[in-house]
């Protein structure tokens, strides 16, 4: 049985620009992801192919707003299972 669609966030474990980042994704659609991100005040410039990059200091607020914490491995597996995982070669979906 498939779990209900949801917004997912992995732990802040990706280093870049002197800080740690999480990845925010939807296992259903880019539309769902963009709507959640807009509601949190994220700029679409933070969208990277199939996820939003979220600075570690925003992690707790994003979880409190309804994102479900998952491991990085589970986040990628759920994106792949939904057909939403992209690679750099495929380009950026506009959703």
N, C-alpha and C. Protein backbone atom coordinates (compact mmCIF):
# COMPACT_ATOMS: atom_id res chain seq x y z
N UNK A 1 0.83 -1.18 0.00
CA UNK A 1 0.00 0.00 0.00
C UNK A 1 0.88 1.25 0.00
N UNK A 2 0.61 2.18 -0.88
CA UNK A 2 1.39 3.40 -1.01
C UNK A 2 0.99 4.38 0.09
N UNK A 3 2.01 5.03 0.66
CA UNK A 3 1.72 6.06 1.65
C UNK A 3 1.08 7.26 0.96
N UNK A 4 0.41 8.08 1.74
CA UNK A 4 -0.23 9.27 1.17
C UNK A 4 0.84 10.21 0.62
N UNK A 5 0.50 10.99 -0.41
CA UNK A 5 1.45 11.95 -0.96
C UNK A 5 1.87 12.95 0.11
N UNK A 6 3.11 13.37 0.03
CA UNK A 6 3.56 14.32 1.03
C UNK A 6 4.78 15.10 0.58
N UNK A 7 5.01 16.18 1.29
CA UNK A 7 6.22 16.96 1.14
C UNK A 7 7.27 16.34 2.06
N UNK A 8 8.44 16.12 1.53
CA UNK A 8 9.52 15.45 2.26
C UNK A 8 10.70 16.38 2.44
N UNK A 9 11.42 16.21 3.55
CA UNK A 9 12.66 16.96 3.76
C UNK A 9 13.68 16.03 4.41
N UNK A 10 14.90 16.08 3.88
CA UNK A 10 15.96 15.26 4.47
C UNK A 10 16.76 16.10 5.46
N UNK A 11 17.60 15.46 6.26
CA UNK A 11 18.37 16.21 7.26
C UNK A 11 19.33 17.18 6.59
N UNK A 12 19.68 18.26 7.27
CA UNK A 12 20.65 19.19 6.70
C UNK A 12 22.05 18.57 6.72
N UNK A 13 22.41 17.93 5.62
CA UNK A 13 23.70 17.25 5.55
C UNK A 13 24.47 17.51 4.26
N UNK A 14 23.99 18.43 3.43
CA UNK A 14 24.69 18.78 2.20
C UNK A 14 25.40 20.12 2.42
N UNK A 15 26.71 20.11 2.34
CA UNK A 15 27.49 21.32 2.57
C UNK A 15 27.58 22.16 1.30
N UNK A 16 27.51 23.47 1.49
CA UNK A 16 27.69 24.38 0.37
C UNK A 16 27.60 25.82 0.83
N UNK A 17 28.45 26.65 0.29
CA UNK A 17 28.44 28.08 0.61
C UNK A 17 28.58 28.33 2.11
N UNK A 18 29.39 27.51 2.77
CA UNK A 18 29.67 27.71 4.19
C UNK A 18 28.56 27.34 5.14
N UNK A 19 27.59 26.55 4.69
CA UNK A 19 26.50 26.13 5.57
C UNK A 19 26.02 24.76 5.16
N UNK A 20 25.10 24.19 5.94
CA UNK A 20 24.50 22.90 5.62
C UNK A 20 23.10 23.12 5.07
N UNK A 21 22.68 22.22 4.18
CA UNK A 21 21.41 22.34 3.48
C UNK A 21 20.63 21.04 3.55
N UNK A 22 19.32 21.17 3.57
CA UNK A 22 18.38 20.05 3.39
C UNK A 22 17.81 20.15 1.99
N UNK A 23 17.11 19.10 1.61
CA UNK A 23 16.43 19.08 0.31
C UNK A 23 14.94 18.85 0.56
N UNK A 24 14.12 19.72 -0.01
CA UNK A 24 12.67 19.67 0.13
C UNK A 24 12.10 19.18 -1.18
N UNK A 25 11.27 18.14 -1.13
CA UNK A 25 10.72 17.55 -2.35
C UNK A 25 9.31 17.05 -2.11
N UNK A 26 8.61 16.78 -3.20
CA UNK A 26 7.28 16.17 -3.15
C UNK A 26 7.38 14.80 -3.80
N UNK A 27 6.66 13.84 -3.25
CA UNK A 27 6.62 12.53 -3.89
C UNK A 27 5.40 12.39 -4.79
N UNK A 28 4.76 13.54 -5.10
CA UNK A 28 3.57 13.52 -5.94
C UNK A 28 3.72 14.38 -7.18
N UNK A 29 4.05 15.65 -6.99
CA UNK A 29 4.12 16.55 -8.15
C UNK A 29 4.94 17.78 -7.83
N UNK A 30 5.43 18.40 -8.88
CA UNK A 30 6.14 19.66 -8.72
C UNK A 30 5.17 20.76 -8.30
N UNK A 31 3.92 20.68 -8.75
CA UNK A 31 2.93 21.69 -8.38
C UNK A 31 2.74 21.71 -6.86
N UNK A 32 2.62 20.51 -6.27
CA UNK A 32 2.47 20.42 -4.81
C UNK A 32 3.69 21.01 -4.12
N UNK A 33 4.87 20.70 -4.63
CA UNK A 33 6.11 21.20 -4.05
C UNK A 33 6.20 22.72 -4.15
N UNK A 34 5.92 23.26 -5.34
CA UNK A 34 6.00 24.72 -5.51
C UNK A 34 4.98 25.44 -4.62
N UNK A 35 3.79 24.88 -4.49
CA UNK A 35 2.77 25.50 -3.63
C UNK A 35 3.23 25.54 -2.18
N UNK A 36 3.79 24.44 -1.69
CA UNK A 36 4.29 24.39 -0.31
C UNK A 36 5.43 25.39 -0.14
N UNK A 37 6.34 25.41 -1.09
CA UNK A 37 7.49 26.31 -1.01
C UNK A 37 7.05 27.78 -1.01
N UNK A 38 6.09 28.12 -1.88
CA UNK A 38 5.57 29.49 -1.90
C UNK A 38 4.96 29.87 -0.56
N UNK A 39 4.22 28.94 0.04
CA UNK A 39 3.58 29.20 1.33
C UNK A 39 4.62 29.45 2.43
N UNK A 40 5.82 28.90 2.25
CA UNK A 40 6.89 29.10 3.22
C UNK A 40 7.74 30.33 2.89
N UNK A 41 7.45 30.97 1.77
CA UNK A 41 8.20 32.16 1.37
C UNK A 41 9.47 31.87 0.61
N UNK A 42 9.61 30.66 0.08
CA UNK A 42 10.81 30.31 -0.69
C UNK A 42 10.74 30.92 -2.08
N UNK A 43 11.86 31.35 -2.56
CA UNK A 43 11.97 31.84 -3.94
C UNK A 43 12.11 30.64 -4.87
N UNK A 44 11.50 30.71 -6.06
CA UNK A 44 11.66 29.62 -7.02
C UNK A 44 13.11 29.48 -7.49
N UNK A 45 13.93 30.50 -7.21
CA UNK A 45 15.36 30.38 -7.53
C UNK A 45 16.01 29.27 -6.72
N UNK A 46 15.40 28.89 -5.59
CA UNK A 46 15.93 27.82 -4.76
C UNK A 46 15.59 26.43 -5.28
N UNK A 47 14.79 26.35 -6.36
CA UNK A 47 14.40 25.06 -6.95
C UNK A 47 15.56 24.56 -7.80
N UNK A 48 15.96 23.32 -7.58
CA UNK A 48 17.08 22.72 -8.31
C UNK A 48 16.66 21.38 -8.89
N UNK A 49 16.17 21.37 -10.11
CA UNK A 49 15.78 20.18 -10.88
C UNK A 49 14.59 19.42 -10.32
N UNK A 50 14.65 19.00 -9.05
CA UNK A 50 13.54 18.21 -8.48
C UNK A 50 13.34 18.47 -6.99
N UNK A 51 13.99 19.50 -6.48
CA UNK A 51 13.89 19.80 -5.05
C UNK A 51 14.23 21.27 -4.81
N UNK A 52 13.90 21.73 -3.61
CA UNK A 52 14.36 23.04 -3.15
C UNK A 52 15.49 22.82 -2.15
N UNK A 53 16.50 23.66 -2.22
CA UNK A 53 17.56 23.65 -1.22
C UNK A 53 17.10 24.51 -0.05
N UNK A 54 17.20 23.97 1.16
CA UNK A 54 16.71 24.64 2.37
C UNK A 54 17.86 24.76 3.36
N UNK A 55 18.21 25.98 3.78
CA UNK A 55 19.29 26.13 4.75
C UNK A 55 18.94 25.46 6.08
N UNK A 56 19.95 24.94 6.75
CA UNK A 56 19.73 24.17 7.98
C UNK A 56 18.95 24.95 9.03
N UNK A 57 19.14 26.26 9.09
CA UNK A 57 18.45 27.03 10.12
C UNK A 57 16.94 27.12 9.87
N UNK A 58 16.47 26.76 8.69
CA UNK A 58 15.03 26.76 8.39
C UNK A 58 14.40 25.38 8.57
N UNK A 59 15.20 24.35 8.80
CA UNK A 59 14.72 22.97 8.85
C UNK A 59 13.54 22.81 9.83
N UNK A 60 13.71 23.23 11.08
CA UNK A 60 12.66 23.03 12.08
C UNK A 60 11.35 23.73 11.69
N UNK A 61 11.45 24.93 11.13
CA UNK A 61 10.25 25.66 10.70
C UNK A 61 9.54 24.94 9.56
N UNK A 62 10.30 24.38 8.64
CA UNK A 62 9.70 23.67 7.50
C UNK A 62 9.01 22.40 7.97
N UNK A 63 9.62 21.69 8.91
CA UNK A 63 8.99 20.50 9.48
C UNK A 63 7.71 20.90 10.23
N UNK A 64 7.78 21.98 11.00
CA UNK A 64 6.59 22.46 11.73
C UNK A 64 5.47 22.85 10.78
N UNK A 65 5.82 23.28 9.57
CA UNK A 65 4.81 23.67 8.58
C UNK A 65 4.20 22.48 7.86
N UNK A 66 4.74 21.28 8.11
CA UNK A 66 4.11 20.09 7.55
C UNK A 66 4.99 19.18 6.72
N UNK A 67 6.24 19.54 6.50
CA UNK A 67 7.13 18.64 5.75
C UNK A 67 7.47 17.43 6.62
N UNK A 68 7.56 16.28 5.99
CA UNK A 68 7.86 15.04 6.70
C UNK A 68 9.35 14.74 6.64
N UNK A 69 10.01 14.64 7.81
CA UNK A 69 11.44 14.30 7.80
C UNK A 69 11.66 12.86 7.35
N UNK A 70 12.58 12.68 6.41
CA UNK A 70 12.98 11.36 5.92
C UNK A 70 14.49 11.37 5.72
N UNK A 71 15.07 10.21 5.59
CA UNK A 71 16.50 10.14 5.29
C UNK A 71 16.73 10.60 3.85
N UNK A 72 17.95 10.98 3.56
CA UNK A 72 18.29 11.38 2.19
C UNK A 72 18.04 10.23 1.23
N UNK A 73 18.36 9.03 1.64
CA UNK A 73 18.16 7.85 0.80
C UNK A 73 16.67 7.65 0.49
N UNK A 74 15.82 7.80 1.52
CA UNK A 74 14.38 7.63 1.30
C UNK A 74 13.83 8.73 0.39
N UNK A 75 14.29 9.96 0.56
CA UNK A 75 13.83 11.06 -0.28
C UNK A 75 14.11 10.74 -1.75
N UNK A 76 15.32 10.32 -2.06
CA UNK A 76 15.66 9.98 -3.45
C UNK A 76 14.84 8.79 -3.95
N UNK A 77 14.67 7.78 -3.12
CA UNK A 77 13.89 6.60 -3.52
C UNK A 77 12.45 6.98 -3.83
N UNK A 78 11.87 7.86 -3.02
CA UNK A 78 10.48 8.27 -3.23
C UNK A 78 10.35 9.12 -4.50
N UNK A 79 11.32 9.98 -4.77
CA UNK A 79 11.31 10.75 -6.01
C UNK A 79 11.39 9.83 -7.23
N UNK A 80 12.29 8.86 -7.15
CA UNK A 80 12.43 7.91 -8.27
C UNK A 80 11.15 7.11 -8.47
N UNK A 81 10.57 6.62 -7.39
CA UNK A 81 9.35 5.81 -7.49
C UNK A 81 8.20 6.61 -8.11
N UNK A 82 8.18 7.92 -7.85
CA UNK A 82 7.12 8.78 -8.39
C UNK A 82 7.45 9.27 -9.80
N UNK A 83 8.65 8.95 -10.29
CA UNK A 83 9.06 9.42 -11.61
C UNK A 83 9.44 10.89 -11.63
N UNK A 84 9.77 11.44 -10.48
CA UNK A 84 10.09 12.86 -10.38
C UNK A 84 11.58 13.15 -10.22
N UNK A 85 12.41 12.12 -10.10
CA UNK A 85 13.84 12.34 -9.94
C UNK A 85 14.43 12.70 -11.29
N UNK A 86 15.19 13.79 -11.34
CA UNK A 86 15.83 14.19 -12.58
C UNK A 86 17.33 14.14 -12.42
N UNK A 87 18.01 14.17 -13.54
CA UNK A 87 19.47 14.24 -13.53
C UNK A 87 19.87 15.52 -14.22
N UNK A 88 21.09 15.92 -14.08
CA UNK A 88 21.56 17.13 -14.72
C UNK A 88 21.42 17.03 -16.24
N UNK A 89 21.59 15.87 -16.79
CA UNK A 89 21.49 15.70 -18.24
C UNK A 89 20.08 15.94 -18.74
N UNK A 90 19.06 15.66 -17.94
CA UNK A 90 17.68 15.84 -18.36
C UNK A 90 17.20 17.28 -18.23
N UNK A 91 17.91 18.08 -17.46
CA UNK A 91 17.52 19.48 -17.34
C UNK A 91 16.59 19.74 -16.19
N UNK A 92 16.13 20.98 -16.11
CA UNK A 92 15.28 21.43 -15.01
C UNK A 92 13.82 21.40 -15.41
N UNK A 93 13.00 20.61 -14.74
CA UNK A 93 11.57 20.67 -15.02
C UNK A 93 10.98 21.96 -14.47
N UNK A 94 10.01 22.49 -15.15
CA UNK A 94 9.39 23.72 -14.68
C UNK A 94 8.15 23.46 -13.84
N UNK A 95 7.66 22.23 -13.88
CA UNK A 95 6.59 21.76 -13.05
C UNK A 95 5.31 22.40 -13.20
